[in-house]
All heavy atoms as atom14 arrays in JSON, in Angstrom:
{
  "sequence": "IEFPFFSYYLKAKGDGKFPKAWVFQTGMNQWRRFDAWPPPVAKPTTVF",
  "atom14_mask": [
    [1, 1, 1, 1, 1, 1, 1, 1, 0, 0, 0, 0, 0, 0],
    [1, 1, 1, 1, 1, 1, 1, 1, 1, 0, 0, 0, 0, 0],
    [1, 1, 1, 1, 1, 1, 1, 1, 1, 1, 1, 0, 0, 0],
    [1, 1, 1, 1, 1, 1, 1, 0, 0, 0, 0, 0, 0, 0],
    [1, 1, 1, 1, 1, 1, 1, 1, 1, 1, 1, 0, 0, 0],
    [1, 1, 1, 1, 1, 1, 1, 1, 1, 1, 1, 0, 0, 0],
    [1, 1, 1, 1, 1, 1, 0, 0, 0, 0, 0, 0, 0, 0],
    [1, 1, 1, 1, 1, 1, 1, 1, 1, 1, 1, 1, 0, 0],
    [1, 1, 1, 1, 1, 1, 1, 1, 1, 1, 1, 1, 0, 0],
    [1, 1, 1, 1, 1, 1, 1, 1, 0, 0, 0, 0, 0, 0],
    [1, 1, 1, 1, 1, 1, 1, 1, 1, 0, 0, 0, 0, 0],
    [1, 1, 1, 1, 1, 0, 0, 0, 0, 0, 0, 0, 0, 0],
    [1, 1, 1, 1, 1, 1, 1, 1, 1, 0, 0, 0, 0, 0],
    [1, 1, 1, 1, 0, 0, 0, 0, 0, 0, 0, 0, 0, 0],
    [1, 1, 1, 1, 1, 1, 1, 1, 0, 0, 0, 0, 0, 0],
    [1, 1, 1, 1, 0, 0, 0, 0, 0, 0, 0, 0, 0, 0],
    [1, 1, 1, 1, 1, 1, 1, 1, 1, 0, 0, 0, 0, 0],
    [1, 1, 1, 1, 1, 1, 1, 1, 1, 1, 1, 0, 0, 0],
    [1, 1, 1, 1, 1, 1, 1, 0, 0, 0, 0, 0, 0, 0],
    [1, 1, 1, 1, 1, 1, 1, 1, 1, 0, 0, 0, 0, 0],
    [1, 1, 1, 1, 1, 0, 0, 0, 0, 0, 0, 0, 0, 0],
    [1, 1, 1, 1, 1, 1, 1, 1, 1, 1, 1, 1, 1, 1],
    [1, 1, 1, 1, 1, 1, 1, 0, 0, 0, 0, 0, 0, 0],
    [1, 1, 1, 1, 1, 1, 1, 1, 1, 1, 1, 0, 0, 0],
    [1, 1, 1, 1, 1, 1, 1, 1, 1, 0, 0, 0, 0, 0],
    [1, 1, 1, 1, 1, 1, 1, 0, 0, 0, 0, 0, 0, 0],
    [1, 1, 1, 1, 0, 0, 0, 0, 0, 0, 0, 0, 0, 0],
    [1, 1, 1, 1, 1, 1, 1, 1, 0, 0, 0, 0, 0, 0],
    [1, 1, 1, 1, 1, 1, 1, 1, 0, 0, 0, 0, 0, 0],
    [1, 1, 1, 1, 1, 1, 1, 1, 1, 0, 0, 0, 0, 0],
    [1, 1, 1, 1, 1, 1, 1, 1, 1, 1, 1, 1, 1, 1],
    [1, 1, 1, 1, 1, 1, 1, 1, 1, 1, 1, 0, 0, 0],
    [1, 1, 1, 1, 1, 1, 1, 1, 1, 1, 1, 0, 0, 0],
    [1, 1, 1, 1, 1, 1, 1, 1, 1, 1, 1, 0, 0, 0],
    [1, 1, 1, 1, 1, 1, 1, 1, 0, 0, 0, 0, 0, 0],
    [1, 1, 1, 1, 1, 0, 0, 0, 0, 0, 0, 0, 0, 0],
    [1, 1, 1, 1, 1, 1, 1, 1, 1, 1, 1, 1, 1, 1],
    [1, 1, 1, 1, 1, 1, 1, 0, 0, 0, 0, 0, 0, 0],
    [1, 1, 1, 1, 1, 1, 1, 0, 0, 0, 0, 0, 0, 0],
    [1, 1, 1, 1, 1, 1, 1, 0, 0, 0, 0, 0, 0, 0],
    [1, 1, 1, 1, 1, 1, 1, 0, 0, 0, 0, 0, 0, 0],
    [1, 1, 1, 1, 1, 0, 0, 0, 0, 0, 0, 0, 0, 0],
    [1, 1, 1, 1, 1, 1, 1, 1, 1, 0, 0, 0, 0, 0],
    [1, 1, 1, 1, 1, 1, 1, 0, 0, 0, 0, 0, 0, 0],
    [1, 1, 1, 1, 1, 1, 1, 0, 0, 0, 0, 0, 0, 0],
    [1, 1, 1, 1, 1, 1, 1, 0, 0, 0, 0, 0, 0, 0],
    [1, 1, 1, 1, 1, 1, 1, 0, 0, 0, 0, 0, 0, 0],
    [1, 1, 1, 1, 1, 1, 1, 1, 1, 1, 1, 0, 0, 0]
  ],
  "atom14_positions": [
    [[0.83, -1.21, 0.0], [0.0, 0.0, 0.0], [0.86, 1.25, 0.0], [0.79, 2.08, -0.91], [-0.95, 0.0, 1.21], [-1.86, -1.25, 1.17], [-1.79, 1.27, 1.22], [-2.78, -1.38, 2.36], [0.0, 0.0, 0.0], [0.0, 0.0, 0.0], [0.0, 0.0, 0.0], [0.0, 0.0, 0.0], [0.0, 0.0, 0.0], [0.0, 0.0, 0.0]],
    [[1.7, 1.41, 1.01], [2.48, 2.64, 1.16], [3.52, 2.82, 0.04], [3.62, 3.9, -0.57], [3.17, 2.64, 2.52], [3.9, 3.94, 2.84], [4.54, 3.91, 4.22], [5.22, 2.9, 4.53], [4.36, 4.88, 4.97], [0.0, 0.0, 0.0], [0.0, 0.0, 0.0], [0.0, 0.0, 0.0], [0.0, 0.0, 0.0], [0.0, 0.0, 0.0]],
    [[4.29, 1.76, -0.25], [5.35, 1.89, -1.26], [4.78, 2.21, -2.65], [5.26, 3.15, -3.32], [6.2, 0.62, -1.29], [7.35, 0.71, -2.24], [8.47, 1.47, -1.94], [7.32, 0.04, -3.46], [9.54, 1.55, -2.83], [8.37, 0.12, -4.36], [9.49, 0.88, -4.04], [0.0, 0.0, 0.0], [0.0, 0.0, 0.0], [0.0, 0.0, 0.0]],
    [[3.74, 1.5, -3.13], [3.17, 1.85, -4.43], [2.58, 3.26, -4.46], [2.65, 3.95, -5.49], [2.1, 0.79, -4.66], [2.53, -0.37, -3.84], [3.17, 0.23, -2.63], [0.0, 0.0, 0.0], [0.0, 0.0, 0.0], [0.0, 0.0, 0.0], [0.0, 0.0, 0.0], [0.0, 0.0, 0.0], [0.0, 0.0, 0.0], [0.0, 0.0, 0.0]],
    [[2.0, 3.69, -3.35], [1.41, 5.04, -3.29], [2.48, 6.1, -3.52], [2.33, 7.0, -4.36], [0.73, 5.21, -1.93], [0.03, 6.54, -1.76], [-1.28, 6.7, -2.14], [0.71, 7.63, -1.22], [-1.93, 7.92, -1.98], [0.08, 8.85, -1.06], [-1.26, 8.99, -1.44], [0.0, 0.0, 0.0], [0.0, 0.0, 0.0], [0.0, 0.0, 0.0]],
    [[3.58, 6.01, -2.77], [4.63, 7.02, -2.92], [5.41, 6.85, -4.22], [5.9, 7.84, -4.78], [5.55, 7.0, -1.7], [4.94, 7.63, -0.49], [4.6, 6.87, 0.62], [4.67, 8.99, -0.46], [4.02, 7.46, 1.74], [4.1, 9.59, 0.65], [3.77, 8.82, 1.75], [0.0, 0.0, 0.0], [0.0, 0.0, 0.0], [0.0, 0.0, 0.0]],
    [[5.51, 5.62, -4.7], [6.17, 5.42, -6.0], [5.41, 6.16, -7.1], [6.02, 6.76, -8.0], [6.24, 3.93, -6.33], [7.14, 3.26, -5.48], [0.0, 0.0, 0.0], [0.0, 0.0, 0.0], [0.0, 0.0, 0.0], [0.0, 0.0, 0.0], [0.0, 0.0, 0.0], [0.0, 0.0, 0.0], [0.0, 0.0, 0.0], [0.0, 0.0, 0.0]],
    [[4.08, 6.13, -7.01], [3.28, 6.8, -8.04], [3.34, 8.32, -7.89], [3.6, 9.05, -8.85], [1.84, 6.32, -7.96], [0.94, 7.0, -8.98], [0.97, 6.64, -10.32], [0.08, 8.04, -8.59], [0.18, 7.28, -11.25], [-0.72, 8.68, -9.52], [-0.67, 8.29, -10.85], [-1.45, 8.93, -11.77], [0.0, 0.0, 0.0], [0.0, 0.0, 0.0]],
    [[3.11, 8.81, -6.67], [2.99, 10.26, -6.49], [4.33, 10.98, -6.42], [4.39, 12.19, -6.67], [2.15, 10.56, -5.25], [0.68, 10.37, -5.52], [-0.01, 9.27, -5.02], [-0.02, 11.29, -6.3], [-1.35, 9.09, -5.28], [-1.37, 11.11, -6.57], [-2.02, 10.01, -6.06], [-3.35, 9.83, -6.35], [0.0, 0.0, 0.0], [0.0, 0.0, 0.0]],
    [[5.4, 10.26, -6.11], [6.71, 10.91, -6.05], [7.59, 10.6, -7.26], [8.43, 11.41, -7.64], [7.45, 10.5, -4.78], [6.8, 10.89, -3.45], [7.68, 10.46, -2.29], [6.53, 12.39, -3.37], [0.0, 0.0, 0.0], [0.0, 0.0, 0.0], [0.0, 0.0, 0.0], [0.0, 0.0, 0.0], [0.0, 0.0, 0.0], [0.0, 0.0, 0.0]],
    [[7.35, 9.42, -7.87], [8.22, 9.03, -8.99], [7.46, 8.67, -10.26], [8.06, 8.19, -11.23], [9.11, 7.86, -8.56], [10.08, 8.22, -7.43], [11.06, 7.09, -7.15], [12.08, 7.5, -6.1], [13.08, 6.43, -5.85], [0.0, 0.0, 0.0], [0.0, 0.0, 0.0], [0.0, 0.0, 0.0], [0.0, 0.0, 0.0], [0.0, 0.0, 0.0]],
    [[6.12, 8.85, -10.24], [5.28, 8.57, -11.41], [5.42, 7.13, -11.89], [5.34, 6.85, -13.09], [5.61, 9.54, -12.54], [0.0, 0.0, 0.0], [0.0, 0.0, 0.0], [0.0, 0.0, 0.0], [0.0, 0.0, 0.0], [0.0, 0.0, 0.0], [0.0, 0.0, 0.0], [0.0, 0.0, 0.0], [0.0, 0.0, 0.0], [0.0, 0.0, 0.0]],
    [[5.58, 6.2, -10.96], [5.66, 4.79, -11.31], [4.38, 4.09, -10.9], [3.84, 4.35, -9.82], [6.86, 4.14, -10.61], [8.21, 4.65, -11.1], [9.36, 3.92, -10.41], [10.71, 4.4, -10.92], [11.85, 3.69, -10.26], [0.0, 0.0, 0.0], [0.0, 0.0, 0.0], [0.0, 0.0, 0.0], [0.0, 0.0, 0.0], [0.0, 0.0, 0.0]],
    [[3.88, 3.2, -11.74], [2.64, 2.51, -11.46], [1.47, 3.18, -12.14], [1.61, 4.21, -12.8], [0.0, 0.0, 0.0], [0.0, 0.0, 0.0], [0.0, 0.0, 0.0], [0.0, 0.0, 0.0], [0.0, 0.0, 0.0], [0.0, 0.0, 0.0], [0.0, 0.0, 0.0], [0.0, 0.0, 0.0], [0.0, 0.0, 0.0], [0.0, 0.0, 0.0]],
    [[0.27, 2.59, -11.97], [-0.91, 3.1, -12.66], [-1.73, 4.09, -11.84], [-2.66, 4.71, -12.34], [-1.8, 1.95, -13.13], [-2.26, 1.06, -11.97], [-2.14, 1.47, -10.8], [-2.74, -0.06, -12.24], [0.0, 0.0, 0.0], [0.0, 0.0, 0.0], [0.0, 0.0, 0.0], [0.0, 0.0, 0.0], [0.0, 0.0, 0.0], [0.0, 0.0, 0.0]],
    [[-1.41, 4.24, -10.55], [-2.13, 5.2, -9.72], [-3.57, 4.82, -9.43], [-4.36, 5.66, -9.0], [0.0, 0.0, 0.0], [0.0, 0.0, 0.0], [0.0, 0.0, 0.0], [0.0, 0.0, 0.0], [0.0, 0.0, 0.0], [0.0, 0.0, 0.0], [0.0, 0.0, 0.0], [0.0, 0.0, 0.0], [0.0, 0.0, 0.0], [0.0, 0.0, 0.0]],
    [[-3.92, 3.56, -9.62], [-5.3, 3.13, -9.36], [-5.4, 2.59, -7.93], [-5.08, 1.44, -7.65], [-5.71, 2.05, -10.36], [-5.79, 2.57, -11.8], [-6.22, 1.46, -12.76], [-6.31, 1.99, -14.18], [-6.71, 0.92, -15.14], [0.0, 0.0, 0.0], [0.0, 0.0, 0.0], [0.0, 0.0, 0.0], [0.0, 0.0, 0.0], [0.0, 0.0, 0.0]],
    [[-5.84, 3.46, -7.05], [-5.96, 3.1, -5.64], [-7.43, 3.19, -5.22], [-8.17, 4.04, -5.72], [-5.13, 4.04, -4.78], [-3.67, 4.08, -5.15], [-3.12, 5.2, -5.77], [-2.85, 3.0, -4.9], [-1.77, 5.24, -6.11], [-1.51, 3.03, -5.24], [-0.97, 4.15, -5.84], [0.0, 0.0, 0.0], [0.0, 0.0, 0.0], [0.0, 0.0, 0.0]],
    [[-7.85, 2.35, -4.29], [-9.23, 2.45, -3.8], [-9.4, 3.67, -2.91], [-8.42, 4.25, -2.42], [-9.41, 1.16, -3.0], [-8.02, 0.84, -2.52], [-7.1, 1.27, -3.63], [0.0, 0.0, 0.0], [0.0, 0.0, 0.0], [0.0, 0.0, 0.0], [0.0, 0.0, 0.0], [0.0, 0.0, 0.0], [0.0, 0.0, 0.0], [0.0, 0.0, 0.0]],
    [[-10.64, 4.07, -2.69], [-10.91, 5.16, -1.74], [-10.6, 4.72, -0.31], [-10.18, 5.53, 0.51], [-12.37, 5.6, -1.85], [-12.73, 6.3, -3.15], [-12.05, 7.65, -3.24], [-12.5, 8.39, -4.5], [-11.85, 9.71, -4.63], [0.0, 0.0, 0.0], [0.0, 0.0, 0.0], [0.0, 0.0, 0.0], [0.0, 0.0, 0.0], [0.0, 0.0, 0.0]],
    [[-10.85, 3.45, -0.04], [-10.59, 2.92, 1.3], [-10.0, 1.53, 1.19], [-10.47, 0.7, 0.4], [-11.87, 2.88, 2.12], [0.0, 0.0, 0.0], [0.0, 0.0, 0.0], [0.0, 0.0, 0.0], [0.0, 0.0, 0.0], [0.0, 0.0, 0.0], [0.0, 0.0, 0.0], [0.0, 0.0, 0.0], [0.0, 0.0, 0.0], [0.0, 0.0, 0.0]],
    [[-8.96, 1.28, 1.95], [-8.28, -0.01, 1.99], [-8.21, -0.39, 3.46], [-7.47, 0.21, 4.24], [-6.89, 0.14, 1.4], [-6.29, -1.11, 0.8], [-6.51, -2.39, 1.17], [-5.35, -1.16, -0.27], [-5.78, -3.25, 0.4], [-5.05, -2.53, -0.5], [-4.73, -0.19, -1.06], [-4.17, -2.94, -1.48], [-3.83, -0.62, -2.04], [-3.55, -1.97, -2.26]],
    [[-9.01, -1.35, 3.88], [-9.15, -1.64, 5.32], [-8.9, -3.12, 5.6], [-9.19, -3.99, 4.77], [-10.55, -1.23, 5.84], [-10.83, 0.23, 5.58], [-11.65, -2.09, 5.22], [0.0, 0.0, 0.0], [0.0, 0.0, 0.0], [0.0, 0.0, 0.0], [0.0, 0.0, 0.0], [0.0, 0.0, 0.0], [0.0, 0.0, 0.0], [0.0, 0.0, 0.0]],
    [[-8.38, -3.37, 6.79], [-8.2, -4.75, 7.24], [-9.42, -5.14, 8.06], [-9.76, -4.49, 9.05], [-6.93, -4.9, 8.09], [-6.62, -6.33, 8.43], [-6.0, -7.15, 7.5], [-6.96, -6.85, 9.66], [-5.71, -8.48, 7.8], [-6.68, -8.18, 9.98], [-6.05, -8.99, 9.05], [0.0, 0.0, 0.0], [0.0, 0.0, 0.0], [0.0, 0.0, 0.0]],
    [[-10.09, -6.2, 7.63], [-11.31, -6.67, 8.26], [-10.96, -7.72, 9.31], [-10.64, -8.86, 9.0], [-12.23, -7.25, 7.19], [-13.54, -7.81, 7.69], [-14.34, -8.43, 6.55], [-14.08, -8.18, 5.37], [-15.31, -9.24, 6.89], [0.0, 0.0, 0.0], [0.0, 0.0, 0.0], [0.0, 0.0, 0.0], [0.0, 0.0, 0.0], [0.0, 0.0, 0.0]],
    [[-10.96, -7.3, 10.58], [-10.67, -8.24, 11.65], [-11.82, -9.23, 11.79], [-12.93, -9.0, 11.33], [-10.43, -7.49, 12.97], [-11.51, -6.58, 13.21], [-9.13, -6.7, 12.92], [0.0, 0.0, 0.0], [0.0, 0.0, 0.0], [0.0, 0.0, 0.0], [0.0, 0.0, 0.0], [0.0, 0.0, 0.0], [0.0, 0.0, 0.0], [0.0, 0.0, 0.0]],
    [[-11.56, -10.32, 12.45], [-12.56, -11.4, 12.51], [-12.39, -12.34, 11.34], [-12.21, -13.55, 11.5], [0.0, 0.0, 0.0], [0.0, 0.0, 0.0], [0.0, 0.0, 0.0], [0.0, 0.0, 0.0], [0.0, 0.0, 0.0], [0.0, 0.0, 0.0], [0.0, 0.0, 0.0], [0.0, 0.0, 0.0], [0.0, 0.0, 0.0], [0.0, 0.0, 0.0]],
    [[-12.41, -11.79, 10.12], [-12.13, -12.56, 8.91], [-10.64, -12.53, 8.56], [-10.16, -13.33, 7.78], [-12.94, -12.03, 7.74], [-14.44, -12.17, 7.9], [-14.97, -13.89, 8.02], [-14.73, -14.44, 6.34], [0.0, 0.0, 0.0], [0.0, 0.0, 0.0], [0.0, 0.0, 0.0], [0.0, 0.0, 0.0], [0.0, 0.0, 0.0], [0.0, 0.0, 0.0]],
    [[-9.94, -11.53, 9.11], [-8.5, -11.38, 8.89], [-8.16, -11.31, 7.41], [-7.39, -12.12, 6.88], [-7.72, -12.51, 9.58], [-7.72, -12.38, 11.08], [-8.07, -11.32, 11.62], [-7.36, -13.44, 11.78], [0.0, 0.0, 0.0], [0.0, 0.0, 0.0], [0.0, 0.0, 0.0], [0.0, 0.0, 0.0], [0.0, 0.0, 0.0], [0.0, 0.0, 0.0]],
    [[-8.73, -10.3, 6.74], [-8.46, -10.1, 5.33], [-8.52, -8.61, 4.98], [-9.21, -7.84, 5.65], [-9.48, -10.86, 4.46], [-10.93, -10.4, 4.66], [-11.92, -11.24, 3.9], [-11.58, -12.24, 3.28], [-13.18, -10.84, 3.93], [0.0, 0.0, 0.0], [0.0, 0.0, 0.0], [0.0, 0.0, 0.0], [0.0, 0.0, 0.0], [0.0, 0.0, 0.0]],
    [[-7.78, -8.21, 3.95], [-7.82, -6.84, 3.46], [-8.99, -6.68, 2.5], [-9.28, -7.57, 1.71], [-6.51, -6.49, 2.75], [-5.35, -6.28, 3.68], [-4.4, -7.19, 4.04], [-5.04, -5.07, 4.39], [-3.51, -6.63, 4.93], [-3.86, -5.32, 5.16], [-5.62, -3.8, 4.45], [-3.28, -4.36, 5.96], [-5.03, -2.85, 5.26], [-3.88, -3.11, 6.0]],
    [[-9.66, -5.53, 2.58], [-10.78, -5.22, 1.69], [-10.57, -3.85, 1.07], [-10.05, -2.93, 1.71], [-12.11, -5.21, 2.47], [-12.51, -6.54, 3.08], [-13.1, -7.49, 2.06], [-14.31, -6.97, 1.45], [-15.55, -7.13, 1.96], [-15.71, -7.75, 3.12], [-16.6, -6.65, 1.33], [0.0, 0.0, 0.0], [0.0, 0.0, 0.0], [0.0, 0.0, 0.0]],
    [[-10.98, -3.69, -0.2], [-10.9, -2.42, -0.91], [-12.31, -1.93, -1.2], [-13.18, -2.71, -1.6], [-10.14, -2.58, -2.22], [-8.75, -3.17, -2.1], [-8.09, -3.2, -3.46], [-6.83, -3.95, -3.45], [-5.93, -3.86, -4.4], [-6.14, -3.07, -5.45], [-4.82, -4.56, -4.34], [0.0, 0.0, 0.0], [0.0, 0.0, 0.0], [0.0, 0.0, 0.0]],
    [[-12.53, -0.62, -1.03], [-13.84, -0.03, -1.27], [-13.7, 1.27, -2.05], [-12.72, 2.0, -1.89], [-14.56, 0.24, 0.05], [-14.84, -1.0, 0.87], [-14.04, -1.32, 1.96], [-15.89, -1.83, 0.54], [-14.28, -2.46, 2.7], [-16.15, -2.98, 1.29], [-15.34, -3.29, 2.37], [0.0, 0.0, 0.0], [0.0, 0.0, 0.0], [0.0, 0.0, 0.0]],
    [[-14.72, 1.58, -2.85], [-14.75, 2.83, -3.61], [-15.35, 3.97, -2.8], [-15.35, 5.12, -3.25], [-15.54, 2.65, -4.91], [-14.83, 1.71, -5.87], [-13.59, 1.68, -5.84], [-15.53, 1.0, -6.62], [0.0, 0.0, 0.0], [0.0, 0.0, 0.0], [0.0, 0.0, 0.0], [0.0, 0.0, 0.0], [0.0, 0.0, 0.0], [0.0, 0.0, 0.0]],
    [[-15.89, 3.67, -1.63], [-16.46, 4.69, -0.74], [-16.38, 4.16, 0.68], [-16.33, 2.94, 0.91], [-17.9, 5.01, -1.11], [0.0, 0.0, 0.0], [0.0, 0.0, 0.0], [0.0, 0.0, 0.0], [0.0, 0.0, 0.0], [0.0, 0.0, 0.0], [0.0, 0.0, 0.0], [0.0, 0.0, 0.0], [0.0, 0.0, 0.0], [0.0, 0.0, 0.0]],
    [[-16.37, 5.09, 1.64], [-16.36, 4.69, 3.06], [-17.27, 5.61, 3.86], [-17.18, 6.81, 3.71], [-14.94, 4.76, 3.63], [-14.9, 4.2, 5.03], [-14.97, 4.9, 6.2], [-14.85, 2.82, 5.39], [-14.95, 4.06, 7.27], [-14.88, 2.77, 6.79], [-14.79, 1.63, 4.67], [-14.85, 1.56, 7.49], [-14.75, 0.44, 5.37], [-14.77, 0.41, 6.77]],
    [[-18.17, 5.01, 4.66], [-18.44, 3.58, 4.78], [-19.0, 3.02, 3.47], [-19.64, 3.76, 2.71], [-19.48, 3.51, 5.9], [-19.4, 4.8, 6.62], [-18.98, 5.8, 5.6], [0.0, 0.0, 0.0], [0.0, 0.0, 0.0], [0.0, 0.0, 0.0], [0.0, 0.0, 0.0], [0.0, 0.0, 0.0], [0.0, 0.0, 0.0], [0.0, 0.0, 0.0]],
    [[-18.78, 1.75, 3.18], [-19.27, 1.19, 1.92], [-20.8, 1.16, 1.89], [-21.44, 0.86, 2.91], [-18.69, -0.22, 1.92], [-18.38, -0.53, 3.34], [-18.03, 0.76, 3.99], [0.0, 0.0, 0.0], [0.0, 0.0, 0.0], [0.0, 0.0, 0.0], [0.0, 0.0, 0.0], [0.0, 0.0, 0.0], [0.0, 0.0, 0.0], [0.0, 0.0, 0.0]],
    [[-21.4, 1.47, 0.74], [-22.86, 1.48, 0.64], [-23.51, 0.13, 0.96], [-24.7, 0.09, 1.33], [-23.11, 1.87, -0.82], [-21.88, 2.59, -1.24], [-20.76, 1.93, -0.5], [0.0, 0.0, 0.0], [0.0, 0.0, 0.0], [0.0, 0.0, 0.0], [0.0, 0.0, 0.0], [0.0, 0.0, 0.0], [0.0, 0.0, 0.0], [0.0, 0.0, 0.0]],
    [[-22.75, -0.96, 0.85], [-23.32, -2.27, 1.15], [-23.58, -2.46, 2.63], [-24.31, -3.37, 3.03], [-22.39, -3.4, 0.65], [-22.29, -3.39, -0.87], [-21.0, -3.3, 1.29], [0.0, 0.0, 0.0], [0.0, 0.0, 0.0], [0.0, 0.0, 0.0], [0.0, 0.0, 0.0], [0.0, 0.0, 0.0], [0.0, 0.0, 0.0], [0.0, 0.0, 0.0]],
    [[-22.99, -1.6, 3.47], [-23.18, -1.7, 4.92], [-24.41, -0.88, 5.32], [-24.38, 0.35, 5.31], [-21.94, -1.21, 5.66], [0.0, 0.0, 0.0], [0.0, 0.0, 0.0], [0.0, 0.0, 0.0], [0.0, 0.0, 0.0], [0.0, 0.0, 0.0], [0.0, 0.0, 0.0], [0.0, 0.0, 0.0], [0.0, 0.0, 0.0], [0.0, 0.0, 0.0]],
    [[-25.5, -1.57, 5.65], [-26.77, -0.92, 5.94], [-26.97, -0.76, 7.45], [-26.66, -1.68, 8.23], [-27.92, -1.74, 5.36], [-27.79, -2.05, 3.87], [-27.78, -0.78, 3.03], [-27.72, -1.11, 1.54], [-27.63, 0.12, 0.7], [0.0, 0.0, 0.0], [0.0, 0.0, 0.0], [0.0, 0.0, 0.0], [0.0, 0.0, 0.0], [0.0, 0.0, 0.0]],
    [[-27.51, 0.39, 7.89], [-27.77, 0.58, 9.32], [-28.69, -0.49, 9.88], [-29.78, -0.74, 9.33], [-28.42, 1.97, 9.37], [-27.94, 2.67, 8.13], [-27.84, 1.6, 7.09], [0.0, 0.0, 0.0], [0.0, 0.0, 0.0], [0.0, 0.0, 0.0], [0.0, 0.0, 0.0], [0.0, 0.0, 0.0], [0.0, 0.0, 0.0], [0.0, 0.0, 0.0]],
    [[-28.26, -1.13, 10.94], [-29.03, -2.19, 11.6], [-28.97, -1.93, 13.1], [-27.89, -1.79, 13.67], [-28.43, -3.57, 11.29], [-28.39, -3.76, 9.87], [-29.25, -4.67, 11.93], [0.0, 0.0, 0.0], [0.0, 0.0, 0.0], [0.0, 0.0, 0.0], [0.0, 0.0, 0.0], [0.0, 0.0, 0.0], [0.0, 0.0, 0.0], [0.0, 0.0, 0.0]],
    [[-30.12, -1.88, 13.74], [-30.19, -1.5, 15.15], [-30.34, -2.71, 16.05], [-31.11, -3.64, 15.76], [-31.37, -0.53, 15.39], [-31.17, 0.65, 14.61], [-31.47, -0.14, 16.85], [0.0, 0.0, 0.0], [0.0, 0.0, 0.0], [0.0, 0.0, 0.0], [0.0, 0.0, 0.0], [0.0, 0.0, 0.0], [0.0, 0.0, 0.0], [0.0, 0.0, 0.0]],
    [[-29.58, -2.71, 17.14], [-29.77, -3.68, 18.21], [-30.18, -2.91, 19.46], [-29.73, -1.78, 19.69], [-28.49, -4.51, 18.47], [-28.27, -5.51, 17.36], [-27.27, -3.63, 18.65], [0.0, 0.0, 0.0], [0.0, 0.0, 0.0], [0.0, 0.0, 0.0], [0.0, 0.0, 0.0], [0.0, 0.0, 0.0], [0.0, 0.0, 0.0], [0.0, 0.0, 0.0]],
    [[-31.03, -3.53, 20.26], [-31.67, -2.83, 21.38], [-31.23, -3.43, 22.71], [-31.13, -4.66, 22.84], [-33.19, -2.94, 21.26], [-33.76, -2.34, 20.0], [-33.85, -3.1, 18.84], [-34.19, -1.02, 19.98], [-34.38, -2.55, 17.67], [-34.71, -0.47, 18.81], [-34.8, -1.24, 17.66], [0.0, 0.0, 0.0], [0.0, 0.0, 0.0], [0.0, 0.0, 0.0]]
  ]
}
């Protein structure tokens, strides 16, 4: 994440295609990429 980001913006290397949000999802222990944050797929759900 960090190295490709700076390679692109400081040295113009790479395609510069980065997600709006790059998050590590604990519990599942995996990285996820999203075009918006919070992602629209996450719907408000109330617990009482």
